Amino acid sequence: QVQLVESGGGLVQAGGSLRLSCAASGGTFSTYDMAWFRQAPGPDRDFVAAITWNGGNTYYADSVKGRFSISRDNARNTVYLQMNNLKPEDTAVYYCTVGMTYWGKGTLVTVSS
């Protein structure tokens, strides 16, 4: 059983930055591809970014490309999401996931205009 705990959310003004962290336990983190999703008010949870097990490949939603950066530290069992030039439309609960099977409880990011 994999446990994921997100942190680093908060309130920030438009144009600001935040770094989210997702700490994993209970599995072999270094073998997992990891991803971030987000959910604004409503039913849809949208893909944000993903990173392969060794960090060799990263993928981004068009809406965040050039502003967000995903990275990982396998020694710390942690994946990060650096978010720069934040916009009000980035406001959402951000979740990390392993294979869309295991999910954390999320961390809230609020961007004020």
N, C-alpha and C. Protein backbone atom coordinates (compact mmCIF):
# COMPACT_ATOMS: atom_id res chain seq x y z
N GLN A 1 0.85 -1.19 0.00
CA GLN A 1 0.00 0.00 0.00
C GLN A 1 0.88 1.24 0.00
N VAL A 2 0.65 2.11 -0.95
CA VAL A 2 1.42 3.34 -1.07
C VAL A 2 0.65 4.48 -0.41
N GLN A 3 1.31 5.24 0.43
CA GLN A 3 0.72 6.45 1.00
C GLN A 3 1.40 7.67 0.42
N LEU A 4 0.60 8.67 0.09
CA LEU A 4 1.11 9.90 -0.50
C LEU A 4 0.59 11.08 0.32
N VAL A 5 1.47 12.00 0.65
CA VAL A 5 1.09 13.18 1.43
C VAL A 5 1.60 14.42 0.73
N GLU A 6 0.68 15.25 0.29
CA GLU A 6 1.04 16.50 -0.38
C GLU A 6 1.17 17.62 0.65
N SER A 7 2.01 18.59 0.33
CA SER A 7 2.16 19.77 1.17
C SER A 7 2.64 20.93 0.30
N GLY A 8 2.59 22.13 0.87
CA GLY A 8 3.14 23.30 0.19
C GLY A 8 2.10 24.22 -0.42
N GLY A 9 0.83 23.86 -0.34
CA GLY A 9 -0.20 24.74 -0.87
C GLY A 9 -0.38 25.97 -0.02
N GLY A 10 -1.17 26.90 -0.52
CA GLY A 10 -1.43 28.12 0.24
C GLY A 10 -2.05 29.18 -0.64
N LEU A 11 -2.09 30.38 -0.10
CA LEU A 11 -2.65 31.54 -0.80
C LEU A 11 -1.51 32.37 -1.35
N VAL A 12 -1.58 32.71 -2.62
CA VAL A 12 -0.53 33.49 -3.26
C VAL A 12 -1.18 34.45 -4.26
N GLN A 13 -0.53 35.58 -4.47
CA GLN A 13 -1.04 36.53 -5.46
C GLN A 13 -0.67 36.08 -6.86
N ALA A 14 -1.45 36.52 -7.82
CA ALA A 14 -1.14 36.24 -9.21
C ALA A 14 0.28 36.71 -9.53
N GLY A 15 1.00 35.87 -10.27
CA GLY A 15 2.39 36.16 -10.58
C GLY A 15 3.37 35.56 -9.60
N GLY A 16 2.87 35.06 -8.49
CA GLY A 16 3.73 34.48 -7.47
C GLY A 16 4.09 33.04 -7.75
N SER A 17 4.78 32.43 -6.79
CA SER A 17 5.28 31.06 -6.95
C SER A 17 4.97 30.24 -5.70
N LEU A 18 4.84 28.96 -5.91
CA LEU A 18 4.73 27.99 -4.83
C LEU A 18 5.45 26.72 -5.26
N ARG A 19 5.95 25.97 -4.28
CA ARG A 19 6.49 24.65 -4.56
C ARG A 19 5.73 23.63 -3.75
N LEU A 20 5.11 22.70 -4.44
CA LEU A 20 4.40 21.61 -3.79
C LEU A 20 5.33 20.41 -3.64
N SER A 21 5.11 19.67 -2.58
CA SER A 21 5.85 18.44 -2.34
C SER A 21 4.86 17.29 -2.15
N CYS A 22 5.29 16.11 -2.53
CA CYS A 22 4.49 14.91 -2.30
C CYS A 22 5.44 13.84 -1.79
N ALA A 23 5.26 13.48 -0.52
CA ALA A 23 6.11 12.47 0.11
C ALA A 23 5.42 11.12 0.04
N ALA A 24 6.16 10.12 -0.40
CA ALA A 24 5.61 8.77 -0.57
C ALA A 24 6.20 7.82 0.45
N SER A 25 5.39 6.86 0.84
CA SER A 25 5.85 5.79 1.74
C SER A 25 5.08 4.52 1.41
N GLY A 26 5.62 3.41 1.87
CA GLY A 26 4.93 2.14 1.73
C GLY A 26 5.15 1.44 0.41
N GLY A 27 6.04 1.91 -0.41
CA GLY A 27 6.29 1.24 -1.67
C GLY A 27 7.71 1.51 -2.12
N THR A 28 7.99 1.17 -3.34
CA THR A 28 9.33 1.40 -3.91
C THR A 28 9.25 2.62 -4.81
N PHE A 29 9.41 3.77 -4.20
CA PHE A 29 9.19 5.05 -4.89
C PHE A 29 10.02 5.17 -6.15
N SER A 30 11.25 4.69 -6.08
CA SER A 30 12.17 4.91 -7.20
C SER A 30 11.76 4.15 -8.46
N THR A 31 10.77 3.29 -8.37
CA THR A 31 10.31 2.55 -9.55
C THR A 31 9.02 3.12 -10.13
N TYR A 32 8.46 4.13 -9.47
CA TYR A 32 7.15 4.63 -9.88
C TYR A 32 7.26 5.86 -10.78
N ASP A 33 6.50 5.87 -11.87
CA ASP A 33 6.21 7.14 -12.53
C ASP A 33 5.22 7.89 -11.63
N MET A 34 5.39 9.20 -11.55
CA MET A 34 4.56 10.00 -10.66
C MET A 34 3.88 11.11 -11.45
N ALA A 35 2.75 11.56 -10.96
CA ALA A 35 2.04 12.64 -11.64
C ALA A 35 1.33 13.54 -10.64
N TRP A 36 1.07 14.75 -11.11
CA TRP A 36 0.24 15.72 -10.38
C TRP A 36 -1.03 15.96 -11.20
N PHE A 37 -2.14 16.01 -10.48
CA PHE A 37 -3.42 16.40 -11.04
C PHE A 37 -3.98 17.53 -10.20
N ARG A 38 -4.97 18.21 -10.70
CA ARG A 38 -5.63 19.24 -9.91
C ARG A 38 -7.13 19.22 -10.16
N GLN A 39 -7.85 19.68 -9.16
CA GLN A 39 -9.31 19.70 -9.23
C GLN A 39 -9.81 21.02 -8.69
N ALA A 40 -10.34 21.83 -9.59
CA ALA A 40 -11.03 23.05 -9.21
C ALA A 40 -12.45 22.67 -8.79
N PRO A 41 -13.23 23.56 -8.21
CA PRO A 41 -14.60 23.20 -7.87
C PRO A 41 -15.32 22.58 -9.07
N GLY A 42 -15.85 21.37 -8.88
CA GLY A 42 -16.45 20.63 -9.97
C GLY A 42 -15.97 19.20 -9.96
N PRO A 43 -16.47 18.38 -10.88
CA PRO A 43 -16.18 16.95 -10.83
C PRO A 43 -14.87 16.51 -11.48
N ASP A 44 -14.27 17.35 -12.28
CA ASP A 44 -13.14 16.90 -13.09
C ASP A 44 -11.81 17.09 -12.37
N ARG A 45 -10.99 16.07 -12.43
CA ARG A 45 -9.62 16.13 -11.93
C ARG A 45 -8.72 16.10 -13.15
N ASP A 46 -7.96 17.16 -13.35
CA ASP A 46 -7.22 17.36 -14.60
C ASP A 46 -5.74 17.09 -14.42
N PHE A 47 -5.15 16.53 -15.45
CA PHE A 47 -3.71 16.27 -15.47
C PHE A 47 -2.94 17.58 -15.48
N VAL A 48 -1.86 17.63 -14.70
CA VAL A 48 -0.99 18.80 -14.65
C VAL A 48 0.40 18.46 -15.18
N ALA A 49 1.02 17.45 -14.59
CA ALA A 49 2.40 17.12 -14.96
C ALA A 49 2.71 15.70 -14.53
N ALA A 50 3.71 15.09 -15.19
CA ALA A 50 4.14 13.75 -14.85
C ALA A 50 5.63 13.63 -15.04
N ILE A 51 6.20 12.65 -14.34
CA ILE A 51 7.64 12.42 -14.43
C ILE A 51 7.87 10.92 -14.35
N THR A 52 8.79 10.42 -15.18
CA THR A 52 9.09 9.00 -15.17
C THR A 52 9.92 8.62 -13.94
N TRP A 53 10.07 7.32 -13.73
CA TRP A 53 10.65 6.79 -12.48
C TRP A 53 12.04 7.35 -12.20
N ASN A 54 12.81 7.60 -13.26
CA ASN A 54 14.18 8.07 -13.06
C ASN A 54 14.33 9.56 -13.34
N GLY A 55 13.22 10.23 -13.57
CA GLY A 55 13.28 11.66 -13.88
C GLY A 55 13.71 11.98 -15.29
N GLY A 56 13.84 10.96 -16.12
CA GLY A 56 14.37 11.17 -17.46
C GLY A 56 13.40 11.85 -18.41
N ASN A 57 12.13 11.72 -18.14
CA ASN A 57 11.12 12.33 -19.01
C ASN A 57 10.07 13.03 -18.16
N THR A 58 9.65 14.19 -18.62
CA THR A 58 8.58 14.94 -17.96
C THR A 58 7.53 15.33 -19.00
N TYR A 59 6.33 15.51 -18.51
CA TYR A 59 5.20 15.82 -19.38
C TYR A 59 4.34 16.87 -18.68
N TYR A 60 3.76 17.77 -19.47
CA TYR A 60 2.98 18.87 -18.90
C TYR A 60 1.70 19.11 -19.69
N ALA A 61 0.68 19.53 -18.97
CA ALA A 61 -0.51 20.04 -19.63
C ALA A 61 -0.15 21.35 -20.33
N ASP A 62 -0.79 21.61 -21.44
CA ASP A 62 -0.50 22.83 -22.19
C ASP A 62 -0.71 24.08 -21.33
N SER A 63 -1.66 24.02 -20.43
CA SER A 63 -2.01 25.19 -19.63
C SER A 63 -0.92 25.59 -18.64
N VAL A 64 0.00 24.67 -18.35
CA VAL A 64 1.05 24.98 -17.36
C VAL A 64 2.44 24.94 -17.96
N LYS A 65 2.56 24.55 -19.21
CA LYS A 65 3.86 24.43 -19.84
C LYS A 65 4.57 25.76 -19.81
N GLY A 66 5.84 25.72 -19.41
CA GLY A 66 6.63 26.94 -19.33
C GLY A 66 6.52 27.67 -18.00
N ARG A 67 5.54 27.28 -17.18
CA ARG A 67 5.37 27.91 -15.86
C ARG A 67 5.62 26.93 -14.72
N PHE A 68 5.26 25.67 -14.91
CA PHE A 68 5.39 24.66 -13.87
C PHE A 68 6.55 23.72 -14.23
N SER A 69 7.16 23.16 -13.19
CA SER A 69 8.24 22.20 -13.39
C SER A 69 8.11 21.08 -12.38
N ILE A 70 8.10 19.84 -12.87
CA ILE A 70 8.03 18.68 -11.99
C ILE A 70 9.42 18.08 -11.85
N SER A 71 9.73 17.64 -10.64
CA SER A 71 11.02 17.01 -10.39
C SER A 71 10.83 15.99 -9.27
N ARG A 72 11.88 15.21 -9.02
CA ARG A 72 11.78 14.21 -7.97
C ARG A 72 13.14 14.00 -7.33
N ASP A 73 13.08 13.51 -6.10
CA ASP A 73 14.28 13.13 -5.36
C ASP A 73 14.03 11.72 -4.84
N ASN A 74 14.59 10.74 -5.51
CA ASN A 74 14.32 9.35 -5.13
C ASN A 74 14.94 9.00 -3.77
N ALA A 75 15.97 9.71 -3.39
CA ALA A 75 16.56 9.47 -2.07
C ALA A 75 15.64 9.92 -0.94
N ARG A 76 14.78 10.89 -1.24
CA ARG A 76 13.85 11.42 -0.24
C ARG A 76 12.43 10.92 -0.47
N ASN A 77 12.23 10.06 -1.48
CA ASN A 77 10.89 9.55 -1.80
C ASN A 77 9.89 10.68 -1.99
N THR A 78 10.32 11.71 -2.69
CA THR A 78 9.50 12.91 -2.82
C THR A 78 9.47 13.39 -4.27
N VAL A 79 8.31 13.84 -4.69
CA VAL A 79 8.16 14.49 -5.99
C VAL A 79 7.71 15.93 -5.73
N TYR A 80 8.17 16.84 -6.57
CA TYR A 80 7.91 18.26 -6.39
C TYR A 80 7.19 18.84 -7.60
N LEU A 81 6.47 19.91 -7.36
CA LEU A 81 5.89 20.69 -8.45
C LEU A 81 6.19 22.16 -8.17
N GLN A 82 7.12 22.70 -8.93
CA GLN A 82 7.45 24.12 -8.82
C GLN A 82 6.49 24.89 -9.72
N MET A 83 5.77 25.82 -9.15
CA MET A 83 4.76 26.56 -9.89
C MET A 83 5.13 28.04 -9.87
N ASN A 84 5.40 28.58 -11.04
CA ASN A 84 5.77 29.98 -11.18
C ASN A 84 4.72 30.73 -11.99
N ASN A 85 4.75 32.05 -11.87
CA ASN A 85 3.81 32.90 -12.62
C ASN A 85 2.38 32.37 -12.48
N LEU A 86 1.97 32.15 -11.26
CA LEU A 86 0.66 31.58 -11.00
C LEU A 86 -0.45 32.52 -11.43
N LYS A 87 -1.53 31.92 -11.88
CA LYS A 87 -2.70 32.65 -12.36
C LYS A 87 -3.92 32.26 -11.53
N PRO A 88 -4.92 33.10 -11.47
CA PRO A 88 -6.13 32.73 -10.71
C PRO A 88 -6.74 31.42 -11.18
N GLU A 89 -6.62 31.11 -12.45
CA GLU A 89 -7.18 29.85 -12.96
C GLU A 89 -6.39 28.62 -12.53
N ASP A 90 -5.26 28.81 -11.87
CA ASP A 90 -4.52 27.69 -11.28
C ASP A 90 -5.08 27.30 -9.92
N THR A 91 -6.02 28.07 -9.41
CA THR A 91 -6.63 27.75 -8.12
C THR A 91 -7.31 26.38 -8.18
N ALA A 92 -6.91 25.50 -7.25
CA ALA A 92 -7.43 24.12 -7.26
C ALA A 92 -6.82 23.37 -6.08
N VAL A 93 -7.35 22.20 -5.83
CA VAL A 93 -6.68 21.23 -4.96
C VAL A 93 -5.76 20.40 -5.83
N TYR A 94 -4.51 20.31 -5.42
CA TYR A 94 -3.50 19.59 -6.19
C TYR A 94 -3.23 18.24 -5.54
N TYR A 95 -3.25 17.20 -6.36
CA TYR A 95 -3.06 15.83 -5.89
C TYR A 95 -1.86 15.20 -6.60
N CYS A 96 -1.11 14.40 -5.87
CA CYS A 96 -0.13 13.55 -6.55
C CYS A 96 -0.68 12.13 -6.59
N THR A 97 -0.18 11.38 -7.56
CA THR A 97 -0.69 10.04 -7.78
C THR A 97 0.39 9.13 -8.32
N VAL A 98 0.23 7.86 -7.99
CA VAL A 98 1.01 6.79 -8.59
C VAL A 98 0.06 6.01 -9.46
N GLY A 99 0.25 6.09 -10.75
CA GLY A 99 -0.53 5.29 -11.67
C GLY A 99 -2.02 5.50 -11.62
N MET A 100 -2.43 6.65 -11.09
CA MET A 100 -3.85 6.95 -10.93
C MET A 100 -4.55 5.87 -10.11
N THR A 101 -3.78 5.17 -9.31
CA THR A 101 -4.30 4.15 -8.41
C THR A 101 -4.23 4.63 -6.97
N TYR A 102 -3.09 5.16 -6.62
CA TYR A 102 -2.90 5.71 -5.27
C TYR A 102 -2.90 7.23 -5.37
N TRP A 103 -3.62 7.85 -4.44
CA TRP A 103 -3.76 9.31 -4.44
C TRP A 103 -3.52 9.83 -3.03
N GLY A 104 -2.96 11.04 -2.96
CA GLY A 104 -2.91 11.72 -1.69
C GLY A 104 -4.23 12.42 -1.43
N LYS A 105 -4.29 13.13 -0.29
CA LYS A 105 -5.51 13.86 0.06
C LYS A 105 -5.56 15.24 -0.56
N GLY A 106 -4.44 15.68 -1.11
CA GLY A 106 -4.42 16.95 -1.82
C GLY A 106 -3.97 18.11 -0.97
N THR A 107 -3.54 19.17 -1.65
CA THR A 107 -3.18 20.43 -0.99
C THR A 107 -3.79 21.57 -1.80
N LEU A 108 -4.38 22.52 -1.10
CA LEU A 108 -5.13 23.59 -1.75
C LEU A 108 -4.21 24.74 -2.15
N VAL A 109 -4.32 25.13 -3.40
CA VAL A 109 -3.62 26.30 -3.92
C VAL A 109 -4.66 27.33 -4.32
N THR A 110 -4.54 28.53 -3.75
CA THR A 110 -5.45 29.61 -4.07
C THR A 110 -4.64 30.79 -4.61
N VAL A 111 -4.97 31.23 -5.80
CA VAL A 111 -4.26 32.34 -6.43
C VAL A 111 -5.22 33.52 -6.54
N SER A 112 -4.88 34.60 -5.88
CA SER A 112 -5.74 35.78 -5.89
C SER A 112 -5.31 36.73 -7.01
N SER A 113 -6.28 37.43 -7.56
CA SER A 113 -5.99 38.35 -8.67
C SER A 113 -5.64 39.73 -8.15
